[in-house]
N, C-alpha and C. Protein backbone atom coordinates (compact mmCIF):
# COMPACT_ATOMS: atom_id res chain seq x y z
N MET A 1 0.82 -1.19 0.00
CA MET A 1 0.00 0.00 0.00
C MET A 1 0.86 1.26 0.00
N LYS A 2 1.94 1.23 0.81
CA LYS A 2 2.82 2.39 0.88
C LYS A 2 3.51 2.62 -0.46
N LYS A 3 3.88 1.53 -1.14
CA LYS A 3 4.52 1.66 -2.45
C LYS A 3 3.57 2.28 -3.46
N CYS A 4 2.32 1.90 -3.38
CA CYS A 4 1.32 2.44 -4.30
C CYS A 4 1.13 3.94 -4.07
N MET A 5 1.05 4.35 -2.82
CA MET A 5 0.90 5.77 -2.49
C MET A 5 2.13 6.55 -2.94
N LEU A 6 3.30 5.97 -2.78
CA LEU A 6 4.54 6.62 -3.20
C LEU A 6 4.55 6.80 -4.72
N CYS A 7 4.16 5.77 -5.45
CA CYS A 7 4.11 5.85 -6.91
C CYS A 7 3.12 6.92 -7.37
N VAL A 8 1.97 6.97 -6.75
CA VAL A 8 0.97 7.97 -7.11
C VAL A 8 1.50 9.37 -6.81
N SER A 9 2.14 9.55 -5.69
CA SER A 9 2.71 10.85 -5.32
C SER A 9 3.77 11.29 -6.32
N VAL A 10 4.65 10.38 -6.70
CA VAL A 10 5.70 10.69 -7.68
C VAL A 10 5.08 11.06 -9.02
N MET A 11 4.05 10.34 -9.43
CA MET A 11 3.40 10.65 -10.70
C MET A 11 2.74 12.02 -10.68
N VAL A 12 2.14 12.39 -9.57
CA VAL A 12 1.51 13.71 -9.45
C VAL A 12 2.56 14.80 -9.57
N VAL A 13 3.68 14.64 -8.89
CA VAL A 13 4.76 15.64 -8.94
C VAL A 13 5.31 15.74 -10.36
N VAL A 14 5.55 14.63 -11.02
CA VAL A 14 6.08 14.64 -12.39
C VAL A 14 5.11 15.34 -13.33
N CYS A 15 3.83 15.06 -13.22
CA CYS A 15 2.83 15.72 -14.08
C CYS A 15 2.78 17.21 -13.81
N PHE A 16 2.89 17.61 -12.55
CA PHE A 16 2.87 19.03 -12.20
C PHE A 16 4.07 19.76 -12.80
N VAL A 17 5.26 19.19 -12.67
CA VAL A 17 6.48 19.80 -13.22
C VAL A 17 6.40 19.86 -14.75
N ALA A 18 5.92 18.80 -15.38
CA ALA A 18 5.77 18.79 -16.84
C ALA A 18 4.81 19.88 -17.29
N GLY A 19 3.73 20.08 -16.55
CA GLY A 19 2.78 21.13 -16.88
C GLY A 19 3.39 22.51 -16.78
N LEU A 20 4.20 22.74 -15.76
CA LEU A 20 4.88 24.03 -15.62
C LEU A 20 5.84 24.28 -16.77
N LEU A 21 6.60 23.26 -17.14
CA LEU A 21 7.55 23.40 -18.25
C LEU A 21 6.82 23.68 -19.55
N PHE A 22 5.72 23.00 -19.78
CA PHE A 22 4.94 23.22 -21.00
C PHE A 22 4.38 24.63 -21.03
N ALA A 23 3.89 25.12 -19.91
CA ALA A 23 3.32 26.47 -19.84
C ALA A 23 4.40 27.51 -20.09
N ALA A 24 5.60 27.31 -19.57
CA ALA A 24 6.69 28.26 -19.78
C ALA A 24 7.10 28.28 -21.25
N ALA A 25 7.15 27.13 -21.89
CA ALA A 25 7.54 27.07 -23.29
C ALA A 25 6.46 27.70 -24.18
N ALA A 26 5.22 27.53 -23.82
CA ALA A 26 4.12 28.06 -24.63
C ALA A 26 4.06 29.59 -24.55
N ALA A 27 4.59 30.17 -23.50
CA ALA A 27 4.52 31.62 -23.31
C ALA A 27 5.59 32.35 -24.10
N THR A 28 6.53 31.63 -24.71
CA THR A 28 7.60 32.25 -25.48
C THR A 28 7.20 32.33 -26.95
N LEU A 29 7.35 33.52 -27.54
CA LEU A 29 6.98 33.76 -28.93
C LEU A 29 8.18 34.31 -29.70
N GLN A 30 8.10 34.31 -31.04
CA GLN A 30 9.18 34.83 -31.89
C GLN A 30 8.60 35.66 -33.02
N VAL A 31 9.35 36.70 -33.40
CA VAL A 31 9.05 37.47 -34.61
C VAL A 31 10.37 37.80 -35.29
N THR A 32 10.29 38.00 -36.60
CA THR A 32 11.45 38.42 -37.37
C THR A 32 11.13 39.76 -38.01
N GLY A 33 12.09 40.68 -37.94
CA GLY A 33 11.87 42.00 -38.50
C GLY A 33 13.16 42.79 -38.59
N VAL A 34 13.03 44.09 -38.73
CA VAL A 34 14.16 45.00 -38.91
C VAL A 34 14.15 46.01 -37.77
N VAL A 35 15.32 46.23 -37.16
CA VAL A 35 15.43 47.18 -36.06
C VAL A 35 15.11 48.59 -36.56
N LYS A 36 14.18 49.24 -35.88
CA LYS A 36 13.86 50.63 -36.17
C LYS A 36 14.67 51.52 -35.23
N SER A 37 14.75 51.11 -33.95
CA SER A 37 15.53 51.88 -32.98
C SER A 37 15.79 51.06 -31.73
N TYR A 38 16.84 51.46 -31.00
CA TYR A 38 17.12 50.90 -29.68
C TYR A 38 17.53 52.05 -28.78
N SER A 39 16.92 52.15 -27.61
CA SER A 39 17.26 53.19 -26.64
C SER A 39 17.86 52.53 -25.40
N ALA A 40 19.16 52.81 -25.16
CA ALA A 40 19.80 52.28 -23.96
C ALA A 40 19.22 52.93 -22.71
N GLU A 41 18.73 54.15 -22.86
CA GLU A 41 18.16 54.89 -21.72
C GLU A 41 16.88 54.24 -21.22
N THR A 42 15.97 53.94 -22.14
CA THR A 42 14.70 53.33 -21.75
C THR A 42 14.73 51.81 -21.85
N LYS A 43 15.80 51.27 -22.42
CA LYS A 43 15.97 49.82 -22.64
C LYS A 43 14.84 49.25 -23.48
N GLU A 44 14.46 50.02 -24.51
CA GLU A 44 13.40 49.58 -25.42
C GLU A 44 13.94 49.38 -26.83
N LEU A 45 13.50 48.31 -27.45
CA LEU A 45 13.85 47.97 -28.82
C LEU A 45 12.59 48.03 -29.65
N VAL A 46 12.64 48.77 -30.77
CA VAL A 46 11.50 48.84 -31.69
C VAL A 46 11.89 48.10 -32.96
N VAL A 47 11.09 47.12 -33.33
CA VAL A 47 11.34 46.30 -34.52
C VAL A 47 10.14 46.41 -35.45
N THR A 48 10.40 46.65 -36.74
CA THR A 48 9.34 46.69 -37.74
C THR A 48 9.16 45.28 -38.29
N VAL A 49 7.96 44.76 -38.11
CA VAL A 49 7.62 43.40 -38.53
C VAL A 49 6.63 43.49 -39.67
N LYS A 50 6.89 42.77 -40.75
CA LYS A 50 5.95 42.77 -41.87
C LYS A 50 4.84 41.77 -41.62
N LYS A 51 3.63 42.27 -41.62
CA LYS A 51 2.45 41.42 -41.48
C LYS A 51 1.52 41.74 -42.63
N GLU A 52 1.25 40.73 -43.42
CA GLU A 52 0.35 40.88 -44.58
C GLU A 52 0.79 42.02 -45.47
N GLY A 53 2.10 42.12 -45.71
CA GLY A 53 2.64 43.12 -46.64
C GLY A 53 2.89 44.49 -46.05
N GLU A 54 2.37 44.75 -44.86
CA GLU A 54 2.55 46.06 -44.24
C GLU A 54 3.47 45.94 -43.03
N GLY A 55 4.26 47.00 -42.78
CA GLY A 55 5.15 47.01 -41.63
C GLY A 55 4.43 47.47 -40.37
N THR A 56 4.57 46.70 -39.31
CA THR A 56 3.99 47.03 -38.02
C THR A 56 5.13 47.12 -37.01
N ASP A 57 5.16 48.20 -36.23
CA ASP A 57 6.19 48.36 -35.21
C ASP A 57 5.80 47.63 -33.94
N MET A 58 6.76 46.86 -33.39
CA MET A 58 6.58 46.20 -32.11
C MET A 58 7.66 46.71 -31.17
N THR A 59 7.29 47.07 -29.95
CA THR A 59 8.24 47.58 -28.97
C THR A 59 8.46 46.51 -27.90
N PHE A 60 9.74 46.22 -27.62
CA PHE A 60 10.12 45.22 -26.63
C PHE A 60 10.95 45.87 -25.54
N LEU A 61 10.73 45.42 -24.31
CA LEU A 61 11.61 45.81 -23.22
C LEU A 61 12.82 44.87 -23.24
N THR A 62 13.99 45.37 -22.87
CA THR A 62 15.17 44.52 -22.73
C THR A 62 15.62 44.58 -21.27
N THR A 63 16.29 43.53 -20.83
CA THR A 63 16.78 43.45 -19.45
C THR A 63 18.25 43.04 -19.48
N GLU A 64 18.83 42.95 -18.31
CA GLU A 64 20.21 42.48 -18.20
C GLU A 64 20.33 41.03 -18.69
N GLU A 65 19.24 40.28 -18.61
CA GLU A 65 19.24 38.88 -19.03
C GLU A 65 18.99 38.69 -20.52
N THR A 66 18.63 39.75 -21.24
CA THR A 66 18.38 39.63 -22.68
C THR A 66 19.69 39.27 -23.39
N LYS A 67 19.66 38.16 -24.12
CA LYS A 67 20.86 37.71 -24.85
C LYS A 67 20.78 38.20 -26.29
N VAL A 68 21.91 38.72 -26.80
CA VAL A 68 22.01 39.14 -28.19
C VAL A 68 23.09 38.26 -28.82
N VAL A 69 22.73 37.56 -29.89
CA VAL A 69 23.66 36.64 -30.54
C VAL A 69 23.64 36.84 -32.05
N ALA A 70 24.67 36.32 -32.70
CA ALA A 70 24.78 36.39 -34.16
C ALA A 70 25.56 35.18 -34.63
N GLY A 71 25.67 35.06 -35.93
CA GLY A 71 26.46 33.97 -36.50
C GLY A 71 25.69 32.67 -36.58
N ARG A 72 26.35 31.70 -37.11
CA ARG A 72 25.74 30.38 -37.28
C ARG A 72 25.36 29.81 -35.92
N GLU A 73 24.09 29.43 -35.79
CA GLU A 73 23.56 28.84 -34.56
C GLU A 73 23.64 29.78 -33.36
N GLY A 74 23.84 31.09 -33.59
CA GLY A 74 23.91 32.05 -32.49
C GLY A 74 25.15 31.90 -31.64
N ALA A 75 26.26 31.50 -32.27
CA ALA A 75 27.48 31.21 -31.54
C ALA A 75 28.23 32.46 -31.08
N GLU A 76 27.97 33.59 -31.70
CA GLU A 76 28.70 34.82 -31.39
C GLU A 76 27.86 35.74 -30.50
N THR A 77 28.40 36.08 -29.33
CA THR A 77 27.68 36.97 -28.41
C THR A 77 27.88 38.42 -28.82
N LYS A 78 26.80 39.18 -28.83
CA LYS A 78 26.83 40.60 -29.18
C LYS A 78 26.24 41.41 -28.03
N ALA A 79 26.26 42.74 -28.19
CA ALA A 79 25.69 43.65 -27.20
C ALA A 79 24.43 44.29 -27.74
N LEU A 80 23.59 44.78 -26.84
CA LEU A 80 22.38 45.47 -27.27
C LEU A 80 22.71 46.68 -28.13
N THR A 81 23.85 47.31 -27.88
CA THR A 81 24.24 48.48 -28.67
C THR A 81 24.60 48.12 -30.11
N ASP A 82 24.76 46.84 -30.41
CA ASP A 82 25.01 46.40 -31.79
C ASP A 82 23.72 46.41 -32.62
N LEU A 83 22.60 46.64 -31.99
CA LEU A 83 21.31 46.64 -32.68
C LEU A 83 21.05 48.02 -33.25
N THR A 84 21.60 48.26 -34.43
CA THR A 84 21.45 49.55 -35.08
C THR A 84 20.30 49.51 -36.08
N GLU A 85 19.83 50.68 -36.46
CA GLU A 85 18.72 50.79 -37.40
C GLU A 85 19.03 50.02 -38.68
N GLY A 86 18.05 49.24 -39.11
CA GLY A 86 18.19 48.47 -40.34
C GLY A 86 18.73 47.05 -40.14
N THR A 87 19.15 46.70 -38.91
CA THR A 87 19.64 45.35 -38.63
C THR A 87 18.48 44.38 -38.61
N ARG A 88 18.62 43.28 -39.35
CA ARG A 88 17.58 42.26 -39.39
C ARG A 88 17.74 41.34 -38.18
N VAL A 89 16.64 41.10 -37.45
CA VAL A 89 16.71 40.32 -36.21
C VAL A 89 15.53 39.35 -36.07
N ARG A 90 15.75 38.34 -35.23
CA ARG A 90 14.66 37.46 -34.79
C ARG A 90 14.60 37.63 -33.28
N VAL A 91 13.46 38.09 -32.79
CA VAL A 91 13.29 38.37 -31.36
C VAL A 91 12.45 37.27 -30.72
N THR A 92 13.02 36.64 -29.70
CA THR A 92 12.26 35.70 -28.87
C THR A 92 11.82 36.49 -27.65
N TYR A 93 10.53 36.42 -27.33
CA TYR A 93 10.02 37.27 -26.26
C TYR A 93 8.92 36.59 -25.48
N THR A 94 8.64 37.17 -24.32
CA THR A 94 7.50 36.74 -23.52
C THR A 94 6.46 37.84 -23.55
N LYS A 95 5.22 37.44 -23.47
CA LYS A 95 4.14 38.42 -23.49
C LYS A 95 4.21 39.32 -22.26
N ALA A 96 3.61 40.49 -22.37
CA ALA A 96 3.57 41.42 -21.25
C ALA A 96 2.77 40.81 -20.10
N ALA A 97 3.27 41.03 -18.89
CA ALA A 97 2.60 40.50 -17.71
C ALA A 97 1.29 41.23 -17.43
N GLU A 98 1.23 42.50 -17.80
CA GLU A 98 0.05 43.31 -17.54
C GLU A 98 -0.63 43.69 -18.85
N GLU A 99 -1.91 43.90 -18.80
CA GLU A 99 -2.65 44.38 -19.96
C GLU A 99 -2.10 45.75 -20.36
N GLY A 100 -1.79 45.95 -21.61
CA GLY A 100 -1.26 47.22 -22.08
C GLY A 100 0.25 47.36 -21.87
N GLY A 101 0.88 46.37 -21.26
CA GLY A 101 2.33 46.40 -21.06
C GLY A 101 3.07 45.97 -22.31
N LYS A 102 4.39 46.06 -22.26
CA LYS A 102 5.21 45.70 -23.41
C LYS A 102 5.82 44.32 -23.21
N PRO A 103 5.96 43.56 -24.29
CA PRO A 103 6.60 42.26 -24.18
C PRO A 103 8.10 42.43 -23.86
N THR A 104 8.70 41.41 -23.25
CA THR A 104 10.11 41.45 -22.88
C THR A 104 10.91 40.52 -23.78
N ALA A 105 11.95 41.08 -24.43
CA ALA A 105 12.83 40.29 -25.28
C ALA A 105 13.75 39.45 -24.40
N THR A 106 13.78 38.13 -24.64
CA THR A 106 14.67 37.26 -23.89
C THR A 106 15.91 36.90 -24.71
N ARG A 107 15.76 36.87 -26.04
CA ARG A 107 16.89 36.54 -26.92
C ARG A 107 16.68 37.27 -28.24
N ILE A 108 17.75 37.89 -28.74
CA ILE A 108 17.69 38.59 -30.02
C ILE A 108 18.81 38.03 -30.89
N MET A 109 18.44 37.47 -32.02
CA MET A 109 19.44 36.93 -32.94
C MET A 109 19.58 37.87 -34.13
N ILE A 110 20.81 38.33 -34.36
CA ILE A 110 21.09 39.17 -35.51
C ILE A 110 21.19 38.26 -36.73
N LEU A 111 20.41 38.56 -37.75
CA LEU A 111 20.34 37.73 -38.95
C LEU A 111 21.10 38.40 -40.09
N PRO A 112 21.52 37.61 -41.08
CA PRO A 112 22.13 38.21 -42.27
C PRO A 112 21.12 39.09 -42.99
N ALA A 113 21.60 40.11 -43.65
CA ALA A 113 20.72 41.00 -44.42
C ALA A 113 20.03 40.19 -45.50
N GLU A 114 18.79 40.55 -45.81
CA GLU A 114 18.06 39.86 -46.87
C GLU A 114 18.71 40.15 -48.22
N ARG A 115 18.83 39.11 -49.02
CA ARG A 115 19.39 39.31 -50.35
C ARG A 115 18.30 39.86 -51.26
N THR A 116 18.67 40.78 -52.11
CA THR A 116 17.72 41.31 -53.08
C THR A 116 17.62 40.35 -54.25
N LYS A 117 16.59 40.50 -55.08
CA LYS A 117 16.43 39.64 -56.25
C LYS A 117 17.61 39.76 -57.20
N ALA A 118 18.19 40.96 -57.30
CA ALA A 118 19.33 41.16 -58.20
C ALA A 118 20.56 40.43 -57.70
N ALA A 119 20.70 40.26 -56.37
CA ALA A 119 21.87 39.62 -55.80
C ALA A 119 21.77 38.10 -55.88
N LYS A 120 20.58 37.57 -56.11
CA LYS A 120 20.38 36.12 -56.16
C LYS A 120 20.89 35.54 -57.41
């Protein structure tokens, strides 16, 4: 009987932890766009994202934990100040905790510039 209760308890804990991990992974989103601006003062990054042919600006908060990477597989570490206007990026972010708040960038990958049709 004790073994059965122990097994049930372990299964409940495992399911609870798995649920938490799934919820954390589901809360992370990604967009790809072009840097419009970055303010070190306000720690805000504005990225223009194309949606249905039109550019939409998205503003992200950055923190000390925000990682900026470049290169193959994100092997090269960069700084937030490397995010200059016109830089193509993929932003991984979490939704705003409050209604009307701004999403927080957790990882920013600097991407190669898009090739034009003439360059292909």
